[in-house]
Amino acid sequence: MSGCYDGGGYKNNGSQFVLIVVLFILLIIVGASFMGY
């Protein structure tokens, strides 16, 4: 059970990392267009 939870946590962590990167890129694009770049 502990190992299964660990595997799920690792997967979830990777998915969260991708989501954060996508949001960060969107933030840069929105910020750049807002600043006039």
N, C-alpha and C. Protein backbone atom coordinates (compact mmCIF):
# COMPACT_ATOMS: atom_id res chain seq x y z
N MET A 1 0.84 -1.20 0.00
CA MET A 1 0.00 0.00 0.00
C MET A 1 0.88 1.25 0.00
N SER A 2 1.91 1.22 0.83
CA SER A 2 2.81 2.37 0.90
C SER A 2 3.50 2.60 -0.44
N GLY A 3 3.95 1.49 -1.06
CA GLY A 3 4.62 1.61 -2.35
C GLY A 3 3.68 2.12 -3.42
N CYS A 4 2.42 1.64 -3.37
CA CYS A 4 1.43 2.07 -4.36
C CYS A 4 1.18 3.58 -4.21
N TYR A 5 1.05 4.02 -2.96
CA TYR A 5 0.81 5.44 -2.70
C TYR A 5 2.01 6.27 -3.18
N ASP A 6 3.22 5.73 -2.95
CA ASP A 6 4.43 6.43 -3.36
C ASP A 6 4.45 6.62 -4.87
N GLY A 7 4.07 5.53 -5.60
CA GLY A 7 4.06 5.62 -7.06
C GLY A 7 3.03 6.64 -7.53
N GLY A 8 1.84 6.63 -6.92
CA GLY A 8 0.81 7.59 -7.30
C GLY A 8 1.26 9.02 -7.00
N GLY A 9 1.92 9.20 -5.84
CA GLY A 9 2.39 10.54 -5.47
C GLY A 9 3.42 11.04 -6.46
N TYR A 10 4.30 10.13 -6.93
CA TYR A 10 5.33 10.53 -7.88
C TYR A 10 4.68 10.96 -9.19
N LYS A 11 3.69 10.19 -9.63
CA LYS A 11 2.99 10.52 -10.88
C LYS A 11 2.28 11.87 -10.74
N ASN A 12 1.58 12.03 -9.63
CA ASN A 12 0.83 13.27 -9.39
C ASN A 12 1.78 14.46 -9.36
N ASN A 13 2.94 14.28 -8.74
CA ASN A 13 3.92 15.35 -8.64
C ASN A 13 4.39 15.77 -10.03
N GLY A 14 4.65 14.78 -10.90
CA GLY A 14 5.09 15.09 -12.26
C GLY A 14 4.02 15.85 -13.02
N SER A 15 2.77 15.44 -12.84
CA SER A 15 1.66 16.10 -13.52
C SER A 15 1.52 17.54 -13.03
N GLN A 16 1.69 17.74 -11.73
CA GLN A 16 1.62 19.09 -11.17
C GLN A 16 2.75 19.96 -11.72
N PHE A 17 3.94 19.37 -11.90
CA PHE A 17 5.08 20.11 -12.43
C PHE A 17 4.78 20.60 -13.84
N VAL A 18 4.18 19.73 -14.67
CA VAL A 18 3.83 20.11 -16.04
C VAL A 18 2.81 21.24 -16.01
N LEU A 19 1.82 21.13 -15.12
CA LEU A 19 0.78 22.16 -15.01
C LEU A 19 1.40 23.50 -14.61
N ILE A 20 2.33 23.48 -13.67
CA ILE A 20 2.99 24.71 -13.22
C ILE A 20 3.79 25.34 -14.37
N VAL A 21 4.49 24.50 -15.15
CA VAL A 21 5.29 25.01 -16.27
C VAL A 21 4.37 25.65 -17.31
N VAL A 22 3.25 24.99 -17.62
CA VAL A 22 2.30 25.54 -18.60
C VAL A 22 1.74 26.87 -18.11
N LEU A 23 1.36 26.93 -16.84
CA LEU A 23 0.82 28.17 -16.29
C LEU A 23 1.88 29.27 -16.31
N PHE A 24 3.13 28.90 -16.03
CA PHE A 24 4.22 29.88 -16.02
C PHE A 24 4.43 30.45 -17.42
N ILE A 25 4.40 29.58 -18.44
CA ILE A 25 4.57 30.03 -19.83
C ILE A 25 3.41 30.94 -20.22
N LEU A 26 2.19 30.56 -19.85
CA LEU A 26 1.02 31.40 -20.16
C LEU A 26 1.16 32.75 -19.48
N LEU A 27 1.65 32.76 -18.24
CA LEU A 27 1.83 34.00 -17.50
C LEU A 27 2.82 34.91 -18.22
N ILE A 28 3.91 34.33 -18.74
CA ILE A 28 4.92 35.10 -19.46
C ILE A 28 4.32 35.68 -20.74
N ILE A 29 3.55 34.87 -21.47
CA ILE A 29 2.94 35.33 -22.73
C ILE A 29 1.96 36.47 -22.45
N VAL A 30 1.11 36.28 -21.45
CA VAL A 30 0.12 37.32 -21.11
C VAL A 30 0.84 38.58 -20.62
N GLY A 31 1.85 38.41 -19.78
CA GLY A 31 2.59 39.56 -19.27
C GLY A 31 3.31 40.30 -20.39
N ALA A 32 3.89 39.56 -21.33
CA ALA A 32 4.62 40.18 -22.44
C ALA A 32 3.66 40.98 -23.32
N SER A 33 2.51 40.40 -23.65
CA SER A 33 1.55 41.10 -24.50
C SER A 33 0.98 42.31 -23.75
N PHE A 34 0.82 42.19 -22.44
CA PHE A 34 0.30 43.30 -21.63
C PHE A 34 1.32 44.44 -21.57
N MET A 35 2.61 44.10 -21.52
CA MET A 35 3.65 45.11 -21.46
C MET A 35 3.90 45.75 -22.82
N GLY A 36 3.40 45.14 -23.88
CA GLY A 36 3.55 45.73 -25.21
C GLY A 36 4.62 45.06 -26.04
N TYR A 37 5.19 43.92 -25.58
CA TYR A 37 6.17 43.20 -26.38
C TYR A 37 5.44 42.43 -27.48
